[in-house]
Amino acid sequence: MKIQPADSCLLDIADEDILKAMKDINGYLDITPRDFKEVYLLAYRHAVERLMQRVTAGDIMTRKVVYVEKDTPLEEVADIMSRHGISGVPVVDKDKKVAGIISEKDFYAEMGGRKEGTFMGIVAQCLKNKGCLAVSLRKQQAQDIMTAPAIAVSESEPVFKVAGIFTEKNINRTPVTDEGGRLSGIVTRSDIVRSSCALPE
């Protein structure tokens, strides 16, 4: 049984967490080291669940978002993603409302890549065809290949729900929008990991 080191994860375990943990234990409670550890682990879990409901997407999002507009040429989109070392960007309209999201997968699919394919598969096709499959993308814009509508969340969305969306939709990032639907930030899986403490195993 592993317990998260105290110095790497500071949690405010409230009395309510202890009481909930004690209620989770069936039968007579005899305070031994083993029982105490069980109470601690259950209280820890309740504390994490409680705090995760309080933390929102707006609390953990990255506010300086790299994004492109619908009419941004794909050549520029690819350059932006390369320069920033990111695998996807939100696509917005002129009012900065989220219109979609474009990722490496979208480029890959547009170049004829299969779901089970690889980057080297694309290279092999380029060499066999004596031409680059990306050439056809030169005249296209972000809106031509973006995934739309984008899966976006509001600033008030609890982090635990965002994590559930990531799992359900098999995505790694989601734009965060304000009340008007305008882009205000982005949340990634790593943001969630950094913002929360791992549950004891």
N, C-alpha and C. Protein backbone atom coordinates (compact mmCIF):
# COMPACT_ATOMS: atom_id res chain seq x y z
N MET A 1 0.85 -1.19 0.00
CA MET A 1 0.00 0.00 0.00
C MET A 1 0.88 1.24 0.00
N LYS A 2 0.71 2.08 -1.00
CA LYS A 2 1.55 3.27 -1.12
C LYS A 2 0.81 4.50 -0.62
N ILE A 3 1.52 5.36 0.09
CA ILE A 3 0.94 6.62 0.57
C ILE A 3 1.75 7.75 -0.01
N GLN A 4 1.06 8.73 -0.54
CA GLN A 4 1.72 9.90 -1.12
C GLN A 4 2.54 10.60 -0.04
N PRO A 5 3.83 10.88 -0.27
CA PRO A 5 4.64 11.60 0.70
C PRO A 5 4.02 12.93 1.06
N ALA A 6 4.07 13.27 2.34
CA ALA A 6 3.40 14.49 2.82
C ALA A 6 3.95 15.75 2.17
N ASP A 7 5.28 15.79 1.91
CA ASP A 7 5.86 17.01 1.39
C ASP A 7 5.54 17.25 -0.08
N SER A 8 5.04 16.22 -0.77
CA SER A 8 4.74 16.41 -2.19
C SER A 8 3.26 16.64 -2.43
N CYS A 9 2.46 16.52 -1.40
CA CYS A 9 1.02 16.68 -1.57
C CYS A 9 0.41 17.15 -0.27
N LEU A 10 0.18 18.43 -0.13
CA LEU A 10 -0.37 18.98 1.08
C LEU A 10 -1.88 19.07 0.97
N LEU A 11 -2.58 18.30 1.82
CA LEU A 11 -4.03 18.30 1.80
C LEU A 11 -4.57 18.77 3.14
N ASP A 12 -5.63 19.53 3.07
CA ASP A 12 -6.31 19.97 4.27
C ASP A 12 -7.41 18.95 4.57
N ILE A 13 -7.09 17.94 5.39
CA ILE A 13 -8.07 16.91 5.72
C ILE A 13 -8.96 17.45 6.83
N ALA A 14 -10.22 17.68 6.48
CA ALA A 14 -11.17 18.27 7.43
C ALA A 14 -11.82 17.20 8.29
N ASP A 15 -12.48 17.65 9.38
CA ASP A 15 -13.18 16.72 10.27
C ASP A 15 -14.22 15.91 9.50
N GLU A 16 -14.86 16.56 8.52
CA GLU A 16 -15.88 15.86 7.74
C GLU A 16 -15.29 14.70 6.97
N ASP A 17 -14.02 14.85 6.54
CA ASP A 17 -13.37 13.75 5.83
C ASP A 17 -13.11 12.58 6.78
N ILE A 18 -12.68 12.89 7.99
CA ILE A 18 -12.43 11.84 8.99
C ILE A 18 -13.72 11.11 9.32
N LEU A 19 -14.80 11.88 9.54
CA LEU A 19 -16.09 11.27 9.88
C LEU A 19 -16.60 10.38 8.75
N LYS A 20 -16.45 10.86 7.51
CA LYS A 20 -16.88 10.05 6.38
C LYS A 20 -16.05 8.77 6.29
N ALA A 21 -14.76 8.92 6.55
CA ALA A 21 -13.87 7.75 6.51
C ALA A 21 -14.26 6.74 7.57
N MET A 22 -14.58 7.22 8.76
CA MET A 22 -14.95 6.32 9.85
C MET A 22 -16.27 5.61 9.53
N LYS A 23 -17.19 6.29 8.87
CA LYS A 23 -18.46 5.68 8.50
C LYS A 23 -18.26 4.62 7.41
N ASP A 24 -17.19 4.77 6.64
CA ASP A 24 -16.91 3.79 5.59
C ASP A 24 -16.38 2.47 6.13
N ILE A 25 -15.94 2.48 7.38
CA ILE A 25 -15.40 1.26 8.00
C ILE A 25 -16.53 0.54 8.72
N ASN A 26 -16.77 -0.71 8.32
CA ASN A 26 -17.85 -1.50 8.93
C ASN A 26 -17.42 -2.09 10.27
N GLY A 27 -18.37 -2.13 11.19
CA GLY A 27 -18.12 -2.79 12.47
C GLY A 27 -17.40 -1.93 13.48
N TYR A 28 -16.96 -2.57 14.55
CA TYR A 28 -16.30 -1.90 15.66
C TYR A 28 -14.92 -1.40 15.24
N LEU A 29 -14.60 -0.16 15.61
CA LEU A 29 -13.32 0.43 15.22
C LEU A 29 -12.34 0.39 16.39
N ASP A 30 -11.32 -0.42 16.25
CA ASP A 30 -10.27 -0.53 17.26
C ASP A 30 -9.05 0.20 16.70
N ILE A 31 -8.62 1.25 17.34
CA ILE A 31 -7.55 2.08 16.78
C ILE A 31 -6.19 1.41 16.94
N THR A 32 -5.81 0.74 15.90
CA THR A 32 -4.47 0.15 15.80
C THR A 32 -3.78 0.86 14.65
N PRO A 33 -2.49 0.68 14.49
CA PRO A 33 -1.80 1.32 13.37
C PRO A 33 -2.45 0.98 12.02
N ARG A 34 -2.89 -0.26 11.88
CA ARG A 34 -3.52 -0.66 10.62
C ARG A 34 -4.85 0.07 10.43
N ASP A 35 -5.65 0.15 11.51
CA ASP A 35 -6.92 0.87 11.42
C ASP A 35 -6.69 2.34 11.13
N PHE A 36 -5.69 2.91 11.80
CA PHE A 36 -5.42 4.32 11.59
C PHE A 36 -5.05 4.59 10.13
N LYS A 37 -4.24 3.66 9.58
CA LYS A 37 -3.85 3.81 8.18
C LYS A 37 -5.07 3.74 7.27
N GLU A 38 -6.00 2.83 7.59
CA GLU A 38 -7.20 2.70 6.78
C GLU A 38 -8.05 3.96 6.87
N VAL A 39 -8.19 4.49 8.10
CA VAL A 39 -8.94 5.74 8.27
C VAL A 39 -8.27 6.87 7.50
N TYR A 40 -6.95 6.93 7.60
CA TYR A 40 -6.21 7.98 6.92
C TYR A 40 -6.42 7.92 5.41
N LEU A 41 -6.29 6.69 4.84
CA LEU A 41 -6.43 6.55 3.39
C LEU A 41 -7.83 6.92 2.93
N LEU A 42 -8.84 6.51 3.70
CA LEU A 42 -10.21 6.85 3.33
C LEU A 42 -10.46 8.35 3.47
N ALA A 43 -9.92 8.94 4.54
CA ALA A 43 -10.07 10.39 4.74
C ALA A 43 -9.36 11.15 3.62
N TYR A 44 -8.20 10.66 3.25
CA TYR A 44 -7.43 11.26 2.16
C TYR A 44 -8.25 11.26 0.87
N ARG A 45 -8.87 10.10 0.59
CA ARG A 45 -9.67 9.98 -0.62
C ARG A 45 -10.86 10.94 -0.60
N HIS A 46 -11.53 11.03 0.54
CA HIS A 46 -12.66 11.96 0.66
C HIS A 46 -12.20 13.41 0.49
N ALA A 47 -11.03 13.71 1.04
CA ALA A 47 -10.50 15.07 0.93
C ALA A 47 -10.21 15.43 -0.51
N VAL A 48 -9.60 14.48 -1.24
CA VAL A 48 -9.30 14.72 -2.65
C VAL A 48 -10.59 14.94 -3.44
N GLU A 49 -11.58 14.07 -3.20
CA GLU A 49 -12.85 14.20 -3.91
C GLU A 49 -13.51 15.55 -3.61
N ARG A 50 -13.46 15.96 -2.34
CA ARG A 50 -14.07 17.23 -1.95
C ARG A 50 -13.36 18.40 -2.62
N LEU A 51 -12.02 18.37 -2.59
CA LEU A 51 -11.27 19.48 -3.17
C LEU A 51 -11.39 19.51 -4.70
N MET A 52 -11.46 18.32 -5.30
CA MET A 52 -11.59 18.27 -6.76
C MET A 52 -12.91 18.87 -7.22
N GLN A 53 -13.93 18.81 -6.37
CA GLN A 53 -15.21 19.41 -6.74
C GLN A 53 -15.16 20.92 -6.62
N ARG A 54 -14.25 21.43 -5.80
CA ARG A 54 -14.14 22.87 -5.61
C ARG A 54 -13.24 23.53 -6.66
N VAL A 55 -12.25 22.80 -7.14
CA VAL A 55 -11.33 23.34 -8.13
C VAL A 55 -11.99 23.31 -9.50
N THR A 56 -11.94 24.43 -10.22
CA THR A 56 -12.59 24.52 -11.52
C THR A 56 -11.56 24.64 -12.65
N ALA A 57 -12.05 24.50 -13.86
CA ALA A 57 -11.19 24.65 -15.04
C ALA A 57 -10.56 26.03 -15.06
N GLY A 58 -11.31 27.05 -14.63
CA GLY A 58 -10.78 28.41 -14.59
C GLY A 58 -9.63 28.57 -13.62
N ASP A 59 -9.60 27.72 -12.58
CA ASP A 59 -8.54 27.80 -11.57
C ASP A 59 -7.21 27.26 -12.09
N ILE A 60 -7.26 26.27 -12.97
CA ILE A 60 -6.03 25.60 -13.39
C ILE A 60 -5.64 25.85 -14.84
N MET A 61 -6.50 26.52 -15.59
CA MET A 61 -6.24 26.68 -17.03
C MET A 61 -5.02 27.56 -17.30
N THR A 62 -4.44 27.35 -18.45
CA THR A 62 -3.37 28.22 -18.94
C THR A 62 -4.05 29.37 -19.66
N ARG A 63 -3.78 30.60 -19.22
CA ARG A 63 -4.48 31.76 -19.77
C ARG A 63 -3.86 32.27 -21.07
N LYS A 64 -2.56 32.12 -21.21
CA LYS A 64 -1.91 32.55 -22.45
C LYS A 64 -2.00 31.40 -23.45
N VAL A 65 -3.05 31.44 -24.25
CA VAL A 65 -3.33 30.34 -25.16
C VAL A 65 -2.80 30.62 -26.56
N VAL A 66 -2.14 29.63 -27.12
CA VAL A 66 -1.73 29.71 -28.52
C VAL A 66 -2.94 29.25 -29.33
N TYR A 67 -3.44 30.09 -30.21
CA TYR A 67 -4.61 29.74 -31.00
C TYR A 67 -4.46 30.29 -32.41
N VAL A 68 -5.35 29.83 -33.29
CA VAL A 68 -5.36 30.34 -34.67
C VAL A 68 -6.80 30.71 -35.01
N GLU A 69 -6.95 31.48 -36.08
CA GLU A 69 -8.28 31.84 -36.54
C GLU A 69 -8.71 30.90 -37.66
N LYS A 70 -10.00 30.90 -37.96
CA LYS A 70 -10.54 29.97 -38.95
C LYS A 70 -9.87 30.12 -40.31
N ASP A 71 -9.49 31.35 -40.66
CA ASP A 71 -8.90 31.57 -41.99
C ASP A 71 -7.37 31.56 -41.99
N THR A 72 -6.78 31.08 -40.89
CA THR A 72 -5.31 30.98 -40.86
C THR A 72 -4.86 29.88 -41.81
N PRO A 73 -3.93 30.17 -42.73
CA PRO A 73 -3.45 29.15 -43.66
C PRO A 73 -2.83 27.97 -42.89
N LEU A 74 -3.03 26.77 -43.40
CA LEU A 74 -2.51 25.59 -42.71
C LEU A 74 -0.99 25.61 -42.61
N GLU A 75 -0.34 26.21 -43.58
CA GLU A 75 1.12 26.32 -43.52
C GLU A 75 1.53 27.09 -42.27
N GLU A 76 0.77 28.16 -41.95
CA GLU A 76 1.04 28.96 -40.77
C GLU A 76 0.65 28.21 -39.49
N VAL A 77 -0.44 27.46 -39.55
CA VAL A 77 -0.88 26.67 -38.39
C VAL A 77 0.21 25.67 -38.01
N ALA A 78 0.73 24.97 -39.02
CA ALA A 78 1.78 23.97 -38.78
C ALA A 78 3.02 24.62 -38.20
N ASP A 79 3.36 25.80 -38.70
CA ASP A 79 4.54 26.52 -38.21
C ASP A 79 4.35 26.94 -36.75
N ILE A 80 3.17 27.42 -36.43
CA ILE A 80 2.87 27.85 -35.06
C ILE A 80 2.96 26.66 -34.10
N MET A 81 2.37 25.53 -34.48
CA MET A 81 2.42 24.34 -33.63
C MET A 81 3.84 23.85 -33.45
N SER A 82 4.63 23.92 -34.52
CA SER A 82 6.02 23.48 -34.45
C SER A 82 6.85 24.39 -33.55
N ARG A 83 6.69 25.70 -33.73
CA ARG A 83 7.48 26.66 -32.94
C ARG A 83 7.17 26.58 -31.45
N HIS A 84 5.92 26.31 -31.12
CA HIS A 84 5.52 26.26 -29.72
C HIS A 84 5.60 24.85 -29.13
N GLY A 85 5.93 23.89 -29.96
CA GLY A 85 6.07 22.52 -29.47
C GLY A 85 4.78 21.93 -28.93
N ILE A 86 3.67 22.21 -29.61
CA ILE A 86 2.37 21.72 -29.17
C ILE A 86 1.74 20.86 -30.25
N SER A 87 0.84 19.98 -29.84
CA SER A 87 0.24 19.05 -30.81
C SER A 87 -1.18 19.44 -31.20
N GLY A 88 -1.67 20.58 -30.69
CA GLY A 88 -3.00 21.02 -31.07
C GLY A 88 -3.26 22.45 -30.65
N VAL A 89 -4.16 23.13 -31.37
CA VAL A 89 -4.52 24.52 -31.04
C VAL A 89 -6.01 24.74 -31.24
N PRO A 90 -6.61 25.60 -30.41
CA PRO A 90 -8.01 25.98 -30.65
C PRO A 90 -8.10 26.85 -31.89
N VAL A 91 -9.24 26.76 -32.57
CA VAL A 91 -9.51 27.60 -33.73
C VAL A 91 -10.68 28.51 -33.35
N VAL A 92 -10.50 29.82 -33.53
CA VAL A 92 -11.54 30.77 -33.13
C VAL A 92 -12.04 31.57 -34.33
N ASP A 93 -13.25 32.15 -34.17
CA ASP A 93 -13.76 33.03 -35.21
C ASP A 93 -13.32 34.47 -34.90
N LYS A 94 -13.84 35.42 -35.63
CA LYS A 94 -13.40 36.81 -35.45
C LYS A 94 -13.81 37.40 -34.11
N ASP A 95 -14.82 36.80 -33.46
CA ASP A 95 -15.25 37.25 -32.14
C ASP A 95 -14.54 36.50 -31.02
N LYS A 96 -13.56 35.70 -31.39
CA LYS A 96 -12.77 34.87 -30.49
C LYS A 96 -13.60 33.77 -29.82
N LYS A 97 -14.69 33.40 -30.48
CA LYS A 97 -15.47 32.26 -30.00
C LYS A 97 -14.88 30.99 -30.58
N VAL A 98 -14.84 29.95 -29.78
CA VAL A 98 -14.22 28.70 -30.21
C VAL A 98 -15.05 28.04 -31.30
N ALA A 99 -14.42 27.83 -32.45
CA ALA A 99 -15.10 27.23 -33.60
C ALA A 99 -14.71 25.77 -33.78
N GLY A 100 -13.54 25.41 -33.28
CA GLY A 100 -13.07 24.04 -33.44
C GLY A 100 -11.69 23.90 -32.83
N ILE A 101 -11.08 22.78 -33.10
CA ILE A 101 -9.71 22.55 -32.62
C ILE A 101 -8.98 21.78 -33.72
N ILE A 102 -7.72 22.09 -33.87
CA ILE A 102 -6.93 21.41 -34.91
C ILE A 102 -5.72 20.78 -34.25
N SER A 103 -5.47 19.52 -34.61
CA SER A 103 -4.38 18.79 -33.98
C SER A 103 -3.54 18.08 -35.04
N GLU A 104 -2.48 17.45 -34.58
CA GLU A 104 -1.63 16.68 -35.48
C GLU A 104 -2.45 15.59 -36.18
N LYS A 105 -3.44 15.05 -35.44
CA LYS A 105 -4.27 13.99 -36.02
C LYS A 105 -5.06 14.50 -37.23
N ASP A 106 -5.49 15.78 -37.17
CA ASP A 106 -6.24 16.34 -38.28
C ASP A 106 -5.35 16.47 -39.52
N PHE A 107 -4.11 16.92 -39.31
CA PHE A 107 -3.16 17.01 -40.42
C PHE A 107 -2.91 15.61 -40.99
N TYR A 108 -2.69 14.68 -40.08
CA TYR A 108 -2.37 13.31 -40.47
C TYR A 108 -3.50 12.71 -41.30
N ALA A 109 -4.75 12.90 -40.83
CA ALA A 109 -5.90 12.34 -41.55
C ALA A 109 -6.04 12.98 -42.92
N GLU A 110 -5.80 14.29 -43.02
CA GLU A 110 -5.94 15.00 -44.29
C GLU A 110 -4.89 14.55 -45.30
N MET A 111 -3.76 14.06 -44.78
CA MET A 111 -2.69 13.59 -45.65
C MET A 111 -2.85 12.11 -46.02
N GLY A 112 -4.00 11.56 -45.65
CA GLY A 112 -4.29 10.18 -46.03
C GLY A 112 -3.85 9.16 -45.02
N GLY A 113 -3.50 9.60 -43.82
CA GLY A 113 -3.07 8.66 -42.79
C GLY A 113 -4.22 7.82 -42.28
N ARG A 114 -3.91 6.57 -41.95
CA ARG A 114 -4.92 5.69 -41.37
C ARG A 114 -4.82 5.75 -39.85
N LYS A 115 -5.90 5.34 -39.20
CA LYS A 115 -5.92 5.38 -37.73
C LYS A 115 -4.78 4.57 -37.13
N GLU A 116 -4.47 3.45 -37.80
CA GLU A 116 -3.41 2.59 -37.27
C GLU A 116 -2.05 2.95 -37.86
N GLY A 117 -1.99 4.02 -38.65
CA GLY A 117 -0.75 4.40 -39.31
C GLY A 117 0.22 5.13 -38.40
N THR A 118 1.37 5.46 -38.96
CA THR A 118 2.42 6.15 -38.20
C THR A 118 2.98 7.29 -39.05
N PHE A 119 3.78 8.13 -38.41
CA PHE A 119 4.44 9.20 -39.13
C PHE A 119 5.33 8.64 -40.23
N MET A 120 6.04 7.55 -39.92
CA MET A 120 6.93 6.96 -40.92
C MET A 120 6.13 6.38 -42.09
N GLY A 121 4.87 6.01 -41.83
CA GLY A 121 4.01 5.56 -42.92
C GLY A 121 3.77 6.67 -43.91
N ILE A 122 3.58 7.89 -43.40
CA ILE A 122 3.41 9.06 -44.26
C ILE A 122 4.69 9.31 -45.06
N VAL A 123 5.83 9.22 -44.38
CA VAL A 123 7.12 9.42 -45.06
C VAL A 123 7.27 8.39 -46.19
N ALA A 124 6.93 7.14 -45.90
CA ALA A 124 7.04 6.08 -46.90
C ALA A 124 6.15 6.38 -48.11
N GLN A 125 4.93 6.85 -47.84
CA GLN A 125 4.02 7.18 -48.94
C GLN A 125 4.58 8.33 -49.78
N CYS A 126 5.16 9.32 -49.11
CA CYS A 126 5.76 10.45 -49.83
C CYS A 126 6.87 9.97 -50.76
N LEU A 127 7.71 9.07 -50.27
CA LEU A 127 8.83 8.58 -51.06
C LEU A 127 8.36 7.71 -52.22
N LYS A 128 7.35 6.88 -51.97
CA LYS A 128 6.82 6.02 -53.04
C LYS A 128 6.13 6.84 -54.13
N ASN A 129 5.43 7.88 -53.71
CA ASN A 129 4.69 8.71 -54.67
C ASN A 129 5.56 9.80 -55.29
N LYS A 130 6.80 9.87 -54.88
CA LYS A 130 7.74 10.88 -55.38
C LYS A 130 7.18 12.30 -55.19
N GLY A 131 6.56 12.50 -54.07
CA GLY A 131 6.00 13.82 -53.77
C GLY A 131 5.51 13.86 -52.34
N CYS A 132 5.38 15.04 -51.84
CA CYS A 132 4.96 15.18 -50.45
C CYS A 132 3.44 15.30 -50.37
N LEU A 133 2.83 14.50 -49.51
CA LEU A 133 1.38 14.51 -49.35
C LEU A 133 0.88 15.79 -48.71
N ALA A 134 1.80 16.56 -48.12
CA ALA A 134 1.40 17.81 -47.47
C ALA A 134 1.19 18.95 -48.46
N VAL A 135 1.67 18.79 -49.69
CA VAL A 135 1.56 19.85 -50.69
C VAL A 135 0.12 20.28 -50.90
N SER A 136 -0.80 19.30 -50.85
CA SER A 136 -2.21 19.60 -51.08
C SER A 136 -2.80 20.50 -50.00
N LEU A 137 -2.12 20.62 -48.87
CA LEU A 137 -2.63 21.42 -47.76
C LEU A 137 -2.27 22.90 -47.88
N ARG A 138 -1.40 23.24 -48.80
CA ARG A 138 -0.89 24.60 -48.88
C ARG A 138 -1.98 25.65 -49.10
N LYS A 139 -3.00 25.30 -49.85
CA LYS A 139 -4.04 26.27 -50.16
C LYS A 139 -5.22 26.22 -49.20
N GLN A 140 -5.11 25.38 -48.18
CA GLN A 140 -6.22 25.22 -47.25
C GLN A 140 -6.02 26.06 -45.98
N GLN A 141 -7.13 26.23 -45.26
CA GLN A 141 -7.10 27.01 -44.03
C GLN A 141 -7.48 26.12 -42.85
N ALA A 142 -7.30 26.66 -41.64
CA ALA A 142 -7.59 25.91 -40.43
C ALA A 142 -9.01 25.35 -40.44
N GLN A 143 -9.96 26.15 -40.88
CA GLN A 143 -11.36 25.73 -40.87
C GLN A 143 -11.63 24.54 -41.80
N ASP A 144 -10.74 24.30 -42.75
CA ASP A 144 -10.94 23.22 -43.72
C ASP A 144 -10.70 21.83 -43.12
N ILE A 145 -9.85 21.75 -42.09
CA ILE A 145 -9.54 20.42 -41.54
C ILE A 145 -9.75 20.32 -40.03
N MET A 146 -10.15 21.42 -39.40
CA MET A 146 -10.33 21.39 -37.95
C MET A 146 -11.45 20.43 -37.55
N THR A 147 -11.37 19.94 -36.32
CA THR A 147 -12.44 19.13 -35.75
C THR A 147 -13.44 20.08 -35.12
N ALA A 148 -14.68 19.99 -35.58
CA ALA A 148 -15.71 20.90 -35.09
C ALA A 148 -17.03 20.14 -34.91
N PRO A 149 -17.82 20.51 -33.91
CA PRO A 149 -17.49 21.55 -32.92
C PRO A 149 -16.44 21.04 -31.94
N ALA A 150 -15.72 21.95 -31.36
CA ALA A 150 -14.69 21.58 -30.39
C ALA A 150 -15.35 21.16 -29.09
N ILE A 151 -14.72 20.24 -28.39
CA ILE A 151 -15.17 19.89 -27.04
C ILE A 151 -14.55 20.93 -26.11
N ALA A 152 -15.38 21.83 -25.63
CA ALA A 152 -14.90 22.92 -24.77
C ALA A 152 -15.62 22.86 -23.43
N VAL A 153 -15.02 23.47 -22.41
CA VAL A 153 -15.64 23.53 -21.09
C VAL A 153 -15.68 24.97 -20.62
N SER A 154 -16.57 25.25 -19.69
CA SER A 154 -16.66 26.60 -19.14
C SER A 154 -15.65 26.76 -18.01
N GLU A 155 -15.37 27.99 -17.65
CA GLU A 155 -14.42 28.26 -16.57
C GLU A 155 -14.91 27.67 -15.25
N SER A 156 -16.21 27.52 -15.08
CA SER A 156 -16.76 27.04 -13.82
C SER A 156 -16.87 25.52 -13.74
N GLU A 157 -16.47 24.83 -14.80
CA GLU A 157 -16.56 23.36 -14.82
C GLU A 157 -15.62 22.76 -13.79
N PRO A 158 -16.12 21.91 -12.88
CA PRO A 158 -15.24 21.27 -11.89
C PRO A 158 -14.17 20.43 -12.58
N VAL A 159 -12.97 20.42 -12.01
CA VAL A 159 -11.86 19.69 -12.62
C VAL A 159 -12.15 18.21 -12.75
N PHE A 160 -12.85 17.63 -11.77
CA PHE A 160 -13.11 16.19 -11.85
C PHE A 160 -13.99 15.86 -13.06
N LYS A 161 -14.86 16.79 -13.45
CA LYS A 161 -15.69 16.58 -14.64
C LYS A 161 -14.86 16.73 -15.91
N VAL A 162 -13.91 17.67 -15.90
CA VAL A 162 -13.02 17.84 -17.05
C VAL A 162 -12.20 16.56 -17.25
N ALA A 163 -11.71 16.00 -16.15
CA ALA A 163 -10.94 14.76 -16.23
C ALA A 163 -11.80 13.64 -16.82
N GLY A 164 -13.06 13.60 -16.45
CA GLY A 164 -13.98 12.60 -16.99
C GLY A 164 -14.19 12.77 -18.48
N ILE A 165 -14.27 14.02 -18.92
CA ILE A 165 -14.44 14.30 -20.35
C ILE A 165 -13.22 13.83 -21.13
N PHE A 166 -12.03 14.08 -20.57
CA PHE A 166 -10.80 13.64 -21.22
C PHE A 166 -10.81 12.13 -21.43
N THR A 167 -11.24 11.41 -20.40
CA THR A 167 -11.28 9.95 -20.48
C THR A 167 -12.35 9.47 -21.46
N GLU A 168 -13.53 10.04 -21.35
CA GLU A 168 -14.65 9.62 -22.20
C GLU A 168 -14.41 9.92 -23.67
N LYS A 169 -13.86 11.10 -23.96
CA LYS A 169 -13.66 11.51 -25.35
C LYS A 169 -12.27 11.18 -25.89
N ASN A 170 -11.41 10.65 -25.02
CA ASN A 170 -10.04 10.30 -25.41
C ASN A 170 -9.30 11.50 -26.01
N ILE A 171 -9.33 12.61 -25.27
CA ILE A 171 -8.65 13.83 -25.72
C ILE A 171 -7.62 14.24 -24.67
N ASN A 172 -6.69 15.09 -25.06
CA ASN A 172 -5.62 15.51 -24.16
C ASN A 172 -5.70 16.98 -23.76
N ARG A 173 -6.59 17.72 -24.39
CA ARG A 173 -6.71 19.15 -24.08
C ARG A 173 -8.12 19.61 -24.41
N THR A 174 -8.54 20.68 -23.78
CA THR A 174 -9.83 21.26 -24.13
C THR A 174 -9.80 22.77 -23.92
N PRO A 175 -10.36 23.53 -24.87
CA PRO A 175 -10.43 24.98 -24.68
C PRO A 175 -11.38 25.30 -23.53
N VAL A 176 -11.09 26.40 -22.85
CA VAL A 176 -11.96 26.88 -21.77
C VAL A 176 -12.58 28.19 -22.26
N THR A 177 -13.89 28.31 -22.08
CA THR A 177 -14.58 29.50 -22.57
C THR A 177 -15.22 30.29 -21.44
N ASP A 178 -15.40 31.59 -21.68
CA ASP A 178 -16.09 32.43 -20.70
C ASP A 178 -17.60 32.31 -20.93
N GLU A 179 -18.37 33.12 -20.24
CA GLU A 179 -19.83 33.02 -20.34
C GLU A 179 -20.34 33.32 -21.74
N GLY A 180 -19.57 34.07 -22.52
CA GLY A 180 -19.98 34.40 -23.89
C GLY A 180 -19.49 33.41 -24.92
N GLY A 181 -18.85 32.33 -24.47
CA GLY A 181 -18.33 31.33 -25.40
C GLY A 181 -17.00 31.70 -26.02
N ARG A 182 -16.37 32.78 -25.51
CA ARG A 182 -15.08 33.21 -26.05
C ARG A 182 -13.93 32.46 -25.36
N LEU A 183 -12.89 32.22 -26.11
CA LEU A 183 -11.72 31.51 -25.58
C LEU A 183 -11.08 32.30 -24.45
N SER A 184 -10.92 31.66 -23.30
CA SER A 184 -10.28 32.33 -22.17
C SER A 184 -9.08 31.55 -21.63
N GLY A 185 -8.95 30.30 -22.08
CA GLY A 185 -7.82 29.51 -21.61
C GLY A 185 -7.85 28.12 -22.21
N ILE A 186 -6.96 27.27 -21.74
CA ILE A 186 -6.93 25.88 -22.19
C ILE A 186 -6.49 25.01 -21.03
N VAL A 187 -7.06 23.83 -20.94
CA VAL A 187 -6.68 22.86 -19.90
C VAL A 187 -6.18 21.60 -20.58
N THR A 188 -5.06 21.08 -20.10
CA THR A 188 -4.51 19.85 -20.63
C THR A 188 -4.48 18.80 -19.52
N ARG A 189 -4.20 17.58 -19.91
CA ARG A 189 -4.09 16.50 -18.91
C ARG A 189 -3.02 16.84 -17.88
N SER A 190 -1.91 17.40 -18.34
CA SER A 190 -0.83 17.71 -17.40
C SER A 190 -1.25 18.78 -16.40
N ASP A 191 -2.13 19.71 -16.82
CA ASP A 191 -2.64 20.72 -15.88
C ASP A 191 -3.41 20.05 -14.75
N ILE A 192 -4.21 19.06 -15.11
CA ILE A 192 -5.02 18.35 -14.10
C ILE A 192 -4.11 17.57 -13.16
N VAL A 193 -3.10 16.90 -13.72
CA VAL A 193 -2.18 16.13 -12.89
C VAL A 193 -1.45 17.04 -11.92
N ARG A 194 -1.00 18.19 -12.41
CA ARG A 194 -0.27 19.12 -11.55
C ARG A 194 -1.15 19.74 -10.47
N SER A 195 -2.43 19.88 -10.77
CA SER A 195 -3.32 20.56 -9.84
C SER A 195 -3.90 19.67 -8.76
N SER A 196 -3.79 18.40 -8.94
CA SER A 196 -4.39 17.47 -7.98
C SER A 196 -3.36 16.51 -7.43
N CYS A 197 -3.67 15.95 -6.31
CA CYS A 197 -2.79 14.96 -5.67
C CYS A 197 -3.23 13.57 -6.08
N ALA A 198 -2.28 12.71 -6.31
CA ALA A 198 -2.62 11.34 -6.67
C ALA A 198 -3.26 10.65 -5.47
N LEU A 199 -4.29 9.86 -5.74
CA LEU A 199 -4.94 9.10 -4.68
C LEU A 199 -4.02 7.98 -4.24
N PRO A 200 -4.05 7.61 -2.97
CA PRO A 200 -3.25 6.47 -2.51
C PRO A 200 -3.69 5.20 -3.21
N GLU A 201 -2.75 4.31 -3.45
CA GLU A 201 -3.10 3.03 -4.08
C GLU A 201 -3.29 1.97 -3.01
